[in-house]
Amino acid sequence: MSTATQTRNCVDEFAAQFEQFEKNDAIARSWFHPVRKAALANFVETGFPTTKHEDWRFTNIKEATSTDWTVASEDAKSIEKNALSPFCIGEVAATLVFVDGRFSTELSSTNELTEGVVVSRLADAMESDAKKLEQYLGQVLAQKGNVFALLNTAFVQDGAYVFAPKNAVQKTSIHVVYVSTTNDRPTVSHPRTLIVAEENAQVTVVESFVGLESANSLTNSVTEIVSGDGANVFHHKIVQESPKAYHFGTIGAWLGRDSRSTSTNVCFDGLLTRNNVEAYLKGEGGCCTFNGLSMLRDEQLVDNHLRIEHVAPHCESWQYFKGIYDSASHGVFAGRIFVHDDAQKTDAKQTNQSLLLSDKALVDSKPQLEIFADDVKCTHGATIGQIDEEAVFYLRARGLSDTAARNLLVHAFANETLNEITVEPLHERLEAIVLERLPKS
């Protein structure tokens, strides 16, 4: 069977699943159902991409799109609370846990939230706060060209909703955990996170995507971030899926006037991870920063695709993505800065740095600029290389062993990104993972 036929069969299977899905009366009566149907129609028309598509030239997803995926059963699978201990990030204002896409009441908790701040299941908010969600849910992303975002919109049932009202400052972070477990059949989930910070509000959200044991899973997530005028949103996404897992994640951000949005993406595990990022600087004076760190081994692949659109003038955007690649791992980076003709005084920088620890590791990097304004400051660049032998010699001359010297340089390379994480316990946990993966001297 040809790749095209296998891909078409998988599309048809998802279309058949949608017909069963919308027979649920609650789904069919929801205000969101027309959005679902439109997304499904676009998905079926577009189909899954292949390596013939420019944006997927370096990433073959044939195995993922030819697998017979099934949605987990209605009830969340029971797992022990201590199974999530390795992924905890210290004291938080609230924790929402979803197991195979299903909300777990037993594993979730709420401590102390700033007055007016809402942290809830998306399924509940779609009923109780429908008028507010209609403005944002499914509206932040330009989804037509992103088949996985379309698929998520068609099938989304639950996820996290974080709302910070005008002038509210939520100092303690909010943790959302999406867990994939081992099931009888390959399992797919479509989690959705919506973060809305109104005028001058501030909030920090950590999303953890984790796989327990050897979960054969596909996580297709979408996170929508809305930063109102003067708002400040910190977002951290951590991918620690199982060795057999596929992760397709999309982040979309709207930024208003003088707003700030910072997102850090860290990937340690998973067979194949694709991160799509779209940001729209819609208000004058907005600033967005996207940081990324991948530390891969074996035959893992991470593909980071970013598109930052400068719509309004006097805005700034920064992209700093780093990768550490060992064994036969593969890293892909494609970043695009798009400056509209009205976006004068744009200041944008894009940097991709890759460190190869093995002769078999591979990196493909494609930074891009598309500028239609004439008064801007935009730079982009990419570096790919091995550990600097002169730096190793310098450290060895001061008493370090060869292994210790190389470990120190790799740790310093990774820590430049980890230092951007504002949640200290999370920073410490991720740094410990980096140290644990370094060769023992």
Protein backbone atom coordinates (compact mmCIF):
# COMPACT_ATOMS: atom_id res chain seq x y z
CA MET A 1 0.00 0.00 0.00
CA SER A 2 1.37 3.40 -0.97
CA THR A 3 2.06 6.15 1.57
CA ALA A 4 -0.64 8.34 0.02
CA THR A 5 -3.22 5.54 0.37
CA GLN A 6 -2.26 4.86 3.98
CA THR A 7 -2.51 8.57 4.79
CA ARG A 8 -5.91 8.85 3.08
CA ASN A 9 -7.18 5.82 5.02
CA CYS A 10 -6.15 7.45 8.29
CA VAL A 11 -7.98 10.66 7.32
CA ASP A 12 -11.09 8.66 6.46
CA GLU A 13 -10.86 6.84 9.79
CA PHE A 14 -10.82 10.12 11.72
CA ALA A 15 -13.79 11.33 9.64
CA ALA A 16 -15.70 8.16 10.58
CA GLN A 17 -14.79 8.65 14.24
CA PHE A 18 -16.15 12.21 14.03
CA GLU A 19 -19.52 10.92 12.77
CA GLN A 20 -19.79 8.78 15.90
CA PHE A 21 -18.44 11.59 18.07
CA GLU A 22 -21.11 14.11 17.04
CA LYS A 23 -23.93 11.69 17.81
CA ASN A 24 -23.42 12.73 21.42
CA ASP A 25 -26.32 15.13 22.08
CA ALA A 26 -24.21 17.45 24.26
CA ILE A 27 -21.63 17.77 21.47
CA ALA A 28 -24.24 18.35 18.77
CA ARG A 29 -26.06 21.07 20.77
CA SER A 30 -22.90 22.94 21.81
CA TRP A 31 -22.26 26.45 20.46
CA PHE A 32 -18.83 25.17 19.49
CA HIS A 33 -20.14 22.41 17.21
CA PRO A 34 -20.21 24.51 13.98
CA VAL A 35 -16.54 25.34 14.62
CA ARG A 36 -15.83 21.62 15.01
CA LYS A 37 -17.57 20.74 11.74
CA ALA A 38 -15.76 23.46 9.81
CA ALA A 39 -12.41 22.27 11.20
CA LEU A 40 -13.18 18.65 10.31
CA ALA A 41 -14.14 19.63 6.75
CA ASN A 42 -10.87 21.54 6.33
CA PHE A 43 -8.93 18.61 7.78
CA VAL A 44 -10.51 16.10 5.38
CA GLU A 45 -9.91 18.41 2.42
CA THR A 46 -6.25 19.03 3.34
CA GLY A 47 -5.24 15.58 4.59
CA PHE A 48 -2.07 14.71 6.43
CA PRO A 49 1.20 16.14 5.09
CA THR A 50 4.03 14.10 3.61
CA THR A 51 7.68 14.87 3.02
CA LYS A 52 6.64 16.37 -0.33
CA HIS A 53 5.21 19.32 1.61
CA GLU A 54 7.84 22.01 2.19
CA ASP A 55 7.04 22.44 5.90
CA TRP A 56 7.41 18.68 6.44
CA ARG A 57 10.36 18.03 4.14
CA PHE A 58 12.62 16.80 6.95
CA THR A 59 10.00 15.05 9.09
CA ASN A 60 8.40 11.81 7.97
CA ILE A 61 5.18 11.12 9.90
CA LYS A 62 4.10 8.08 7.87
CA GLU A 63 4.19 5.74 10.87
CA ALA A 64 2.07 8.12 12.93
CA THR A 65 -0.53 8.72 10.23
CA SER A 66 -0.86 5.06 9.27
CA THR A 67 -1.53 3.81 12.83
CA ASP A 68 -5.07 2.90 13.88
CA TRP A 69 -5.50 5.36 16.75
CA THR A 70 -8.41 5.17 19.17
CA VAL A 71 -9.74 7.57 21.81
CA ALA A 72 -9.45 6.42 25.43
CA SER A 73 -12.55 5.20 27.26
CA GLU A 74 -14.95 7.70 28.86
CA ASP A 75 -13.51 7.44 32.37
CA ALA A 76 -10.02 8.61 33.26
CA LYS A 77 -7.67 5.70 33.88
CA SER A 78 -6.77 5.32 37.52
CA ILE A 79 -3.11 5.97 38.29
CA GLU A 80 -1.34 6.41 41.60
CA LYS A 81 -0.61 9.97 42.67
CA ASN A 82 3.03 9.11 43.39
CA ALA A 83 3.44 8.17 39.71
CA LEU A 84 3.37 11.90 38.99
CA SER A 85 5.89 12.84 41.69
CA PRO A 86 8.83 13.05 39.24
CA PHE A 87 6.94 15.75 37.34
CA CYS A 88 5.92 17.97 40.26
CA ILE A 89 7.14 21.58 40.31
CA GLY A 90 6.75 22.51 43.97
CA GLU A 91 4.06 24.78 45.38
CA VAL A 92 1.49 25.84 42.80
CA ALA A 93 -1.80 27.71 42.87
CA ALA A 94 -3.63 24.91 41.07
CA THR A 95 -2.95 21.57 39.40
CA LEU A 96 -5.14 20.13 36.66
CA VAL A 97 -4.38 16.55 35.61
CA PHE A 98 -5.73 14.82 32.51
CA VAL A 99 -5.12 11.11 31.92
CA ASP A 100 -5.34 10.04 28.27
CA GLY A 101 -7.30 13.22 27.64
CA ARG A 102 -9.77 12.67 30.52
CA PHE A 103 -9.91 14.92 33.57
CA SER A 104 -8.89 13.31 36.86
CA THR A 105 -10.61 14.81 39.90
CA GLU A 106 -8.53 12.73 42.31
CA LEU A 107 -5.20 13.96 40.96
CA SER A 108 -6.20 17.62 40.55
CA SER A 109 -6.25 20.30 43.22
CA THR A 110 -6.66 24.04 43.77
CA ASN A 111 -4.85 25.93 46.49
CA GLU A 112 -4.89 29.72 46.57
CA LEU A 113 -5.84 31.77 43.52
CA THR A 114 -5.81 35.54 43.22
CA GLU A 115 -9.31 37.02 43.39
CA GLY A 116 -11.01 36.74 40.02
CA VAL A 117 -8.55 34.25 38.53
CA VAL A 118 -10.29 31.17 37.12
CA VAL A 119 -8.64 27.78 36.63
CA SER A 120 -11.04 25.10 35.45
CA ARG A 121 -11.74 22.32 33.01
CA LEU A 122 -12.31 23.63 29.52
CA ALA A 123 -15.41 21.41 29.24
CA ASP A 124 -16.99 23.20 32.21
CA ALA A 125 -16.00 26.66 30.97
CA MET A 126 -17.53 26.00 27.53
CA GLU A 127 -20.89 25.79 29.28
CA SER A 128 -20.54 28.29 32.13
CA ASP A 129 -18.53 30.99 30.32
CA ALA A 130 -19.56 30.48 26.71
CA LYS A 131 -19.76 34.17 25.73
CA LYS A 132 -16.17 34.82 26.78
CA LEU A 133 -14.83 31.64 25.19
CA GLU A 134 -16.52 32.38 21.87
CA GLN A 135 -14.12 35.32 21.44
CA TYR A 136 -11.00 33.17 21.75
CA LEU A 137 -11.50 29.39 21.51
CA GLY A 138 -10.54 28.36 17.99
CA GLN A 139 -9.98 31.99 16.99
CA VAL A 140 -6.34 32.63 17.93
CA LEU A 141 -4.78 30.32 15.34
CA ALA A 142 -4.82 30.57 11.56
CA GLN A 143 -5.62 26.86 11.49
CA LYS A 144 -6.30 26.19 7.82
CA GLY A 145 -2.77 25.11 6.99
CA ASN A 146 -2.23 23.23 10.27
CA VAL A 147 -3.98 19.87 9.94
CA PHE A 148 -3.18 18.81 13.49
CA ALA A 149 -4.69 21.99 14.94
CA LEU A 150 -7.78 21.36 12.78
CA LEU A 151 -7.98 17.81 14.07
CA ASN A 152 -7.71 19.05 17.66
CA THR A 153 -10.49 21.61 17.11
CA ALA A 154 -12.74 18.94 15.64
CA PHE A 155 -12.27 16.45 18.46
CA VAL A 156 -11.45 18.52 21.53
CA GLN A 157 -13.56 17.56 24.55
CA ASP A 158 -11.55 18.80 27.49
CA GLY A 159 -8.45 20.61 28.61
CA ALA A 160 -7.50 23.55 30.79
CA TYR A 161 -8.95 27.05 30.97
CA VAL A 162 -7.00 29.80 32.73
CA PHE A 163 -8.49 33.29 32.98
CA ALA A 164 -6.87 36.29 34.68
CA PRO A 165 -9.15 39.38 34.84
CA LYS A 166 -8.07 42.98 34.44
CA ASN A 167 -5.20 43.98 36.81
CA ALA A 168 -5.06 40.54 38.48
CA VAL A 169 -1.56 39.28 39.32
CA GLN A 170 -1.32 35.52 39.89
CA LYS A 171 2.15 35.20 41.43
CA THR A 172 2.10 31.43 42.01
CA SER A 173 2.19 29.29 38.89
CA ILE A 174 -0.57 27.02 37.56
CA HIS A 175 0.38 23.49 36.52
CA VAL A 176 -1.47 21.53 33.82
CA VAL A 177 -0.41 17.90 33.41
CA TYR A 178 -1.40 15.77 30.41
CA VAL A 179 -0.56 12.12 31.05
CA SER A 180 -0.45 9.30 28.50
CA THR A 181 -0.64 5.72 29.78
CA THR A 182 -0.23 2.24 28.37
CA ASN A 183 -3.46 0.86 26.87
CA ASP A 184 -4.53 -2.19 24.90
CA ARG A 185 -4.55 -0.16 21.68
CA PRO A 186 -2.64 2.91 20.46
CA THR A 187 -4.38 5.89 22.07
CA VAL A 188 -4.88 9.42 20.78
CA SER A 189 -5.85 12.48 22.82
CA HIS A 190 -6.62 16.06 21.76
CA PRO A 191 -6.02 18.28 24.82
CA ARG A 192 -6.71 22.00 24.58
CA THR A 193 -5.42 24.78 26.81
CA LEU A 194 -6.81 28.32 26.69
CA ILE A 195 -4.99 31.07 28.60
CA VAL A 196 -6.56 34.53 28.69
CA ALA A 197 -4.94 37.45 30.52
CA GLU A 198 -6.97 40.64 30.37
CA GLU A 199 -5.60 44.18 30.56
CA ASN A 200 -2.56 44.51 32.88
CA ALA A 201 -2.99 40.97 34.24
CA GLN A 202 -0.14 38.54 34.92
CA VAL A 203 -0.17 34.74 35.02
CA THR A 204 2.30 31.84 34.78
CA VAL A 205 1.22 28.48 33.34
CA VAL A 206 3.30 25.29 33.11
CA GLU A 207 2.15 22.52 30.76
CA SER A 208 3.70 19.07 31.27
CA PHE A 209 3.14 16.33 28.68
CA VAL A 210 4.31 13.07 30.20
CA GLY A 211 4.20 9.41 29.24
CA LEU A 212 4.13 6.62 31.79
CA GLU A 213 5.84 3.31 31.12
CA SER A 214 5.89 2.57 27.36
CA ALA A 215 2.70 4.33 26.34
CA ASN A 216 2.01 3.92 22.62
CA SER A 217 0.26 7.24 22.24
CA LEU A 218 -0.34 10.26 20.04
CA THR A 219 -0.86 13.55 21.83
CA ASN A 220 -2.26 16.26 19.60
CA SER A 221 -2.35 19.41 21.71
CA VAL A 222 -3.27 23.03 21.08
CA THR A 223 -2.52 25.93 23.43
CA GLU A 224 -4.04 29.34 22.79
CA ILE A 225 -2.61 32.36 24.64
CA VAL A 226 -4.28 35.77 24.71
CA SER A 227 -2.29 38.65 26.22
CA GLY A 228 -4.47 41.73 26.62
CA ASP A 229 -3.15 45.28 26.60
CA GLY A 230 -0.34 45.55 29.14
CA ALA A 231 -0.70 41.91 30.20
CA ASN A 232 2.21 39.59 31.00
CA VAL A 233 1.97 35.84 30.33
CA PHE A 234 4.70 33.32 31.18
CA HIS A 235 4.22 29.91 29.61
CA HIS A 236 6.43 26.83 29.92
CA LYS A 237 5.85 23.61 27.98
CA ILE A 238 7.72 20.42 28.93
CA VAL A 239 7.56 17.29 26.75
CA GLN A 240 8.56 14.03 28.46
CA GLU A 241 6.55 11.52 26.48
CA SER A 242 7.30 7.79 26.38
CA PRO A 243 9.86 6.36 23.92
CA LYS A 244 7.02 5.16 21.64
CA ALA A 245 5.00 8.37 21.71
CA TYR A 246 4.20 10.93 19.04
CA HIS A 247 3.59 14.51 20.08
CA PHE A 248 2.12 17.15 17.78
CA GLY A 249 1.74 20.43 19.63
CA THR A 250 0.59 23.86 18.48
CA ILE A 251 0.93 27.12 20.39
CA GLY A 252 -0.89 30.22 19.21
CA ALA A 253 -0.51 33.66 20.81
CA TRP A 254 -2.27 37.01 20.42
CA LEU A 255 -0.52 40.03 21.89
CA GLY A 256 -2.23 43.33 22.54
CA ARG A 257 -0.76 46.80 23.01
CA ASP A 258 2.31 46.87 25.32
CA SER A 259 1.76 43.24 26.29
CA ARG A 260 4.39 40.60 26.99
CA SER A 261 4.31 36.87 26.31
CA THR A 262 7.19 34.50 27.06
CA SER A 263 7.05 30.80 26.19
CA THR A 264 9.77 28.19 26.82
CA ASN A 265 9.55 24.79 25.14
CA VAL A 266 11.71 21.96 26.52
CA CYS A 267 11.74 18.49 24.98
CA PHE A 268 13.51 15.49 26.50
CA ASP A 269 11.56 12.42 25.42
CA GLY A 270 9.22 11.03 22.80
CA LEU A 271 9.82 9.23 19.51
CA LEU A 272 8.72 12.19 17.38
CA THR A 273 7.79 15.69 18.51
CA ARG A 274 6.54 18.49 16.29
CA ASN A 275 6.07 21.94 17.81
CA ASN A 276 4.21 24.56 15.79
CA VAL A 277 4.26 28.12 17.13
CA GLU A 278 2.24 31.03 15.76
CA ALA A 279 2.35 34.49 17.33
CA TYR A 280 0.53 37.62 16.23
CA LEU A 281 1.73 40.98 17.55
CA LYS A 282 -1.51 42.86 17.00
CA GLY A 283 -1.01 45.85 19.32
CA GLU A 284 1.69 48.50 19.21
CA GLY A 285 4.54 47.96 21.68
CA GLY A 286 3.98 44.22 22.12
CA CYS A 287 6.88 41.85 22.83
CA CYS A 288 7.04 38.05 22.56
CA THR A 289 9.89 35.68 23.39
CA PHE A 290 10.05 32.01 22.44
CA ASN A 291 12.83 29.89 23.92
CA GLY A 292 13.46 26.25 23.17
CA LEU A 293 15.72 23.42 24.31
CA SER A 294 15.80 19.86 22.96
CA MET A 295 18.07 17.18 24.38
CA LEU A 296 17.71 14.04 22.28
CA ARG A 297 19.19 10.57 22.09
CA ASP A 298 18.65 7.27 20.24
CA GLU A 299 16.56 7.98 17.09
CA GLN A 300 14.37 10.71 18.53
CA LEU A 301 13.25 13.59 16.33
CA VAL A 302 12.13 17.10 17.29
CA ASP A 303 10.80 19.53 14.69
CA ASN A 304 10.28 23.15 15.77
CA HIS A 305 8.34 25.36 13.36
CA LEU A 306 7.72 29.01 14.27
CA ARG A 307 5.92 31.87 12.54
CA ILE A 308 5.96 35.28 14.22
CA GLU A 309 3.78 37.90 12.54
CA HIS A 310 4.48 41.56 13.26
CA VAL A 311 1.18 43.22 12.45
CA ALA A 312 1.52 46.44 14.50
CA PRO A 313 4.47 48.87 14.66
CA HIS A 314 7.02 49.23 17.49
CA CYS A 315 6.91 45.53 18.45
CA GLU A 316 9.68 43.13 19.42
CA SER A 317 10.09 39.38 19.02
CA TRP A 318 12.87 37.06 20.08
CA GLN A 319 13.44 33.40 19.19
CA TYR A 320 16.21 31.42 20.89
CA PHE A 321 16.14 27.68 20.16
CA LYS A 322 18.90 25.28 21.15
CA GLY A 323 19.37 21.57 20.61
CA ILE A 324 21.72 18.89 21.98
CA TYR A 325 21.75 15.80 19.77
CA ASP A 326 23.32 12.45 20.60
CA SER A 327 23.27 9.00 18.97
CA ALA A 328 21.20 9.06 15.74
CA SER A 329 18.80 11.79 16.83
CA HIS A 330 17.51 14.42 14.45
CA GLY A 331 16.65 18.07 15.02
CA VAL A 332 14.70 20.34 12.69
CA PHE A 333 14.22 24.09 13.05
CA ALA A 334 12.25 26.35 10.71
CA GLY A 335 11.61 29.84 12.00
CA ARG A 336 9.93 32.63 10.10
CA ILE A 337 9.59 36.30 11.00
CA PHE A 338 6.87 37.95 8.92
CA VAL A 339 6.79 41.77 9.06
CA HIS A 340 3.63 43.38 7.63
CA ASP A 341 3.92 46.64 5.70
CA ASP A 342 2.43 48.68 8.59
CA ALA A 343 4.77 47.18 11.19
CA GLN A 344 7.42 49.90 11.13
CA LYS A 345 10.08 50.02 13.87
CA THR A 346 9.96 46.25 14.26
CA ASP A 347 12.84 44.72 16.24
CA ALA A 348 13.14 40.95 15.78
CA LYS A 349 15.87 38.40 16.33
CA GLN A 350 15.98 34.69 15.56
CA THR A 351 18.75 32.35 16.70
CA ASN A 352 19.09 28.58 16.35
CA GLN A 353 22.10 26.80 17.87
CA SER A 354 22.70 23.05 17.68
CA LEU A 355 25.32 20.95 19.44
CA LEU A 356 26.15 17.54 17.95
CA LEU A 357 27.49 14.92 20.35
CA SER A 358 27.59 12.12 17.79
CA ASP A 359 28.70 11.68 14.19
CA LYS A 360 25.29 10.12 13.44
CA ALA A 361 23.22 13.03 14.75
CA LEU A 362 21.59 15.28 12.16
CA VAL A 363 20.23 18.83 12.17
CA ASP A 364 18.31 20.75 9.52
CA SER A 365 17.92 24.49 10.15
CA LYS A 366 16.00 27.01 8.08
CA PRO A 367 15.70 30.53 9.55
CA GLN A 368 13.70 32.95 7.39
CA LEU A 369 12.73 36.61 7.18
CA GLU A 370 9.84 38.08 5.17
CA ILE A 371 9.85 41.85 5.51
CA PHE A 372 7.38 44.24 3.87
CA ALA A 373 8.23 47.33 5.95
CA ASP A 374 11.22 49.56 5.34
CA ASP A 375 12.15 50.76 8.85
CA VAL A 376 12.94 47.59 10.79
CA LYS A 377 15.77 45.80 12.59
CA CYS A 378 15.63 42.05 11.96
CA THR A 379 18.38 39.44 12.27
CA HIS A 380 18.51 35.68 12.00
CA GLY A 381 21.18 33.03 12.21
CA ALA A 382 21.95 29.37 12.79
CA THR A 383 25.00 27.49 14.03
CA ILE A 384 25.61 23.73 14.01
CA GLY A 385 28.75 22.23 15.46
CA GLN A 386 30.47 19.95 17.93
CA ILE A 387 32.02 20.75 21.29
CA ASP A 388 34.86 23.26 21.01
CA GLU A 389 38.06 21.24 21.49
CA GLU A 390 39.98 24.36 22.53
CA ALA A 391 37.51 24.92 25.35
CA VAL A 392 37.93 21.27 26.39
CA PHE A 393 41.71 21.68 26.39
CA TYR A 394 41.41 24.87 28.50
CA LEU A 395 39.32 23.07 31.14
CA ARG A 396 41.55 19.98 31.16
CA ALA A 397 44.55 22.22 31.73
CA ARG A 398 42.86 23.29 34.95
CA GLY A 399 42.46 19.77 36.30
CA LEU A 400 39.19 18.47 34.85
CA SER A 401 38.98 15.10 33.15
CA ASP A 402 38.01 14.95 29.49
CA THR A 403 34.49 13.74 30.34
CA ALA A 404 33.99 16.33 33.07
CA ALA A 405 35.16 19.13 30.76
CA ARG A 406 32.75 18.09 28.02
CA ASN A 407 29.90 17.71 30.51
CA LEU A 408 30.52 21.19 31.86
CA LEU A 409 30.34 22.71 28.38
CA VAL A 410 27.12 20.85 27.49
CA HIS A 411 25.55 21.82 30.82
CA ALA A 412 26.43 25.49 30.25
CA PHE A 413 25.00 25.33 26.72
CA ALA A 414 21.68 23.95 28.01
CA ASN A 415 21.50 26.21 31.04
CA GLU A 416 21.36 29.35 28.92
CA THR A 417 17.82 28.31 27.99
CA LEU A 418 16.83 26.81 31.33
CA ASN A 419 17.76 30.06 33.08
CA GLU A 420 14.85 31.70 31.27
CA ILE A 421 12.36 29.52 33.18
CA THR A 422 10.78 31.66 35.89
CA VAL A 423 9.52 28.76 38.05
CA GLU A 424 12.55 27.86 40.18
CA PRO A 425 11.53 24.28 41.17
CA LEU A 426 10.86 23.53 37.49
CA HIS A 427 14.23 24.96 36.51
CA GLU A 428 15.94 22.79 39.13
CA ARG A 429 14.13 19.64 37.97
CA LEU A 430 15.00 20.20 34.32
CA GLU A 431 18.61 20.98 35.15
CA ALA A 432 18.77 17.70 37.08
CA ILE A 433 17.54 15.82 33.98
CA VAL A 434 20.26 17.44 31.88
CA LEU A 435 22.92 16.45 34.42
CA GLU A 436 21.57 12.90 34.68
CA ARG A 437 21.89 12.43 30.92
CA LEU A 438 25.50 13.49 30.76
CA PRO A 439 28.16 10.74 30.74
CA LYS A 440 29.45 9.89 34.21
CA SER A 441 33.05 10.87 34.70
